[in-house]
Amino acid sequence: PMPYAICRVAKIKTAQAGAAKTAHNYRQRETPNADTERQPLNREYINTGERNY
């Protein structure tokens, strides 16, 4: 099978929504469907804050 990628783009309309997206992406809150053993495999290609997961 061929590998694939999914890219979703959506407008973030409020500062609160932006903060929620950041908390999710940086695993600052519980994300039950995320496999914690695979977390070191995460890559961030546009890293304006120079932060790591």
N, C-alpha and C. Protein backbone atom coordinates (compact mmCIF):
# COMPACT_ATOMS: atom_id res chain seq x y z
N PRO A 1 0.82 -1.20 0.00
CA PRO A 1 0.00 0.00 0.00
C PRO A 1 0.86 1.26 0.00
N MET A 2 0.34 2.26 -0.60
CA MET A 2 1.04 3.53 -0.73
C MET A 2 0.77 4.42 0.50
N PRO A 3 1.78 5.08 1.06
CA PRO A 3 1.54 5.99 2.18
C PRO A 3 0.78 7.22 1.71
N TYR A 4 0.09 7.85 2.63
CA TYR A 4 -0.68 9.03 2.29
C TYR A 4 -0.62 10.02 3.45
N ALA A 5 -1.03 11.24 3.18
CA ALA A 5 -1.09 12.28 4.20
C ALA A 5 -2.44 12.97 4.12
N ILE A 6 -2.88 13.48 5.24
CA ILE A 6 -4.13 14.24 5.31
C ILE A 6 -3.79 15.64 5.79
N CYS A 7 -4.25 16.63 5.07
CA CYS A 7 -4.01 18.02 5.44
C CYS A 7 -5.36 18.73 5.55
N ARG A 8 -5.64 19.26 6.71
CA ARG A 8 -6.89 19.99 6.92
C ARG A 8 -6.56 21.45 7.18
N VAL A 9 -7.30 22.33 6.54
CA VAL A 9 -7.10 23.77 6.71
C VAL A 9 -8.43 24.37 7.12
N ALA A 10 -8.43 25.13 8.19
CA ALA A 10 -9.65 25.78 8.65
C ALA A 10 -9.29 27.11 9.31
N LYS A 11 -10.16 28.08 9.15
CA LYS A 11 -9.94 29.38 9.76
C LYS A 11 -10.18 29.28 11.27
N ILE A 12 -9.28 29.85 12.04
CA ILE A 12 -9.44 29.93 13.49
C ILE A 12 -10.01 31.31 13.77
N LYS A 13 -11.25 31.35 14.27
CA LYS A 13 -11.97 32.62 14.35
C LYS A 13 -11.79 33.38 15.66
N THR A 14 -11.37 32.70 16.72
CA THR A 14 -11.21 33.39 18.00
C THR A 14 -9.87 33.02 18.64
N ALA A 15 -9.43 33.85 19.57
CA ALA A 15 -8.20 33.56 20.30
C ALA A 15 -8.37 32.29 21.14
N GLN A 16 -9.56 32.09 21.67
CA GLN A 16 -9.84 30.89 22.47
C GLN A 16 -9.72 29.64 21.61
N ALA A 17 -10.22 29.69 20.40
CA ALA A 17 -10.11 28.54 19.48
C ALA A 17 -8.65 28.30 19.12
N GLY A 18 -7.88 29.36 18.94
CA GLY A 18 -6.46 29.21 18.65
C GLY A 18 -5.71 28.57 19.81
N ALA A 19 -6.04 28.98 21.03
CA ALA A 19 -5.41 28.40 22.21
C ALA A 19 -5.76 26.92 22.34
N ALA A 20 -7.00 26.56 22.03
CA ALA A 20 -7.42 25.16 22.10
C ALA A 20 -6.68 24.32 21.06
N LYS A 21 -6.50 24.85 19.86
CA LYS A 21 -5.75 24.12 18.82
C LYS A 21 -4.30 23.91 19.24
N THR A 22 -3.68 24.95 19.81
CA THR A 22 -2.29 24.83 20.26
C THR A 22 -2.17 23.80 21.37
N ALA A 23 -3.10 23.83 22.33
CA ALA A 23 -3.07 22.86 23.43
C ALA A 23 -3.20 21.44 22.90
N HIS A 24 -4.03 21.25 21.89
CA HIS A 24 -4.18 19.91 21.30
C HIS A 24 -2.90 19.49 20.57
N ASN A 25 -2.37 20.37 19.74
CA ASN A 25 -1.19 20.02 18.94
C ASN A 25 0.03 19.73 19.79
N TYR A 26 0.20 20.46 20.90
CA TYR A 26 1.36 20.27 21.75
C TYR A 26 1.07 19.33 22.92
N ARG A 27 -0.04 18.62 22.85
CA ARG A 27 -0.42 17.63 23.87
C ARG A 27 -0.40 18.23 25.27
N GLN A 28 -0.89 19.46 25.40
CA GLN A 28 -0.96 20.11 26.70
C GLN A 28 -2.19 19.67 27.47
N ARG A 29 -3.08 18.98 26.82
CA ARG A 29 -4.25 18.41 27.48
C ARG A 29 -4.36 16.95 27.06
N GLU A 30 -5.17 16.21 27.77
CA GLU A 30 -5.33 14.78 27.50
C GLU A 30 -5.93 14.57 26.11
N THR A 31 -5.28 13.75 25.31
CA THR A 31 -5.76 13.39 23.98
C THR A 31 -5.88 11.87 23.94
N PRO A 32 -7.06 11.33 24.29
CA PRO A 32 -7.20 9.88 24.49
C PRO A 32 -6.93 9.04 23.24
N ASN A 33 -7.13 9.58 22.07
CA ASN A 33 -6.92 8.77 20.86
C ASN A 33 -5.48 8.84 20.34
N ALA A 34 -4.59 9.54 21.03
CA ALA A 34 -3.19 9.65 20.60
C ALA A 34 -2.37 8.52 21.23
N ASP A 35 -1.57 7.87 20.42
CA ASP A 35 -0.69 6.79 20.87
C ASP A 35 0.58 7.43 21.43
N THR A 36 0.74 7.42 22.75
CA THR A 36 1.88 8.10 23.37
C THR A 36 3.21 7.46 23.00
N GLU A 37 3.22 6.19 22.64
CA GLU A 37 4.47 5.53 22.24
C GLU A 37 4.98 6.05 20.90
N ARG A 38 4.09 6.61 20.09
CA ARG A 38 4.49 7.12 18.78
C ARG A 38 4.78 8.62 18.79
N GLN A 39 4.63 9.26 19.94
CA GLN A 39 4.83 10.71 20.03
C GLN A 39 6.21 11.16 19.56
N PRO A 40 7.30 10.41 19.84
CA PRO A 40 8.62 10.85 19.35
C PRO A 40 8.72 10.88 17.82
N LEU A 41 7.79 10.27 17.12
CA LEU A 41 7.82 10.26 15.66
C LEU A 41 7.23 11.53 15.06
N ASN A 42 6.58 12.37 15.89
CA ASN A 42 5.96 13.59 15.39
C ASN A 42 7.01 14.53 14.81
N ARG A 43 6.68 15.17 13.70
CA ARG A 43 7.56 16.15 13.07
C ARG A 43 6.76 17.42 12.80
N GLU A 44 7.39 18.55 13.02
CA GLU A 44 6.75 19.83 12.76
C GLU A 44 7.57 20.52 11.67
N TYR A 45 6.99 20.69 10.50
CA TYR A 45 7.73 21.21 9.36
C TYR A 45 7.76 22.73 9.32
N ILE A 46 6.76 23.38 9.88
CA ILE A 46 6.77 24.84 9.99
C ILE A 46 6.76 25.14 11.48
N ASN A 47 7.91 25.48 12.02
CA ASN A 47 8.06 25.63 13.46
C ASN A 47 8.50 27.06 13.77
N THR A 48 7.55 27.98 13.80
CA THR A 48 7.90 29.38 14.02
C THR A 48 8.30 29.66 15.46
N GLY A 49 7.84 28.83 16.40
CA GLY A 49 8.17 29.05 17.81
C GLY A 49 9.38 28.28 18.26
N GLU A 50 9.98 27.51 17.35
CA GLU A 50 11.14 26.68 17.66
C GLU A 50 10.91 25.82 18.89
N ARG A 51 9.71 25.24 18.98
CA ARG A 51 9.38 24.36 20.10
C ARG A 51 9.28 22.93 19.59
N ASN A 52 9.51 21.98 20.46
CA ASN A 52 9.37 20.58 20.14
C ASN A 52 8.15 20.02 20.84
N TYR A 53 7.60 18.95 20.31
CA TYR A 53 6.48 18.28 20.96
C TYR A 53 7.00 17.66 22.22
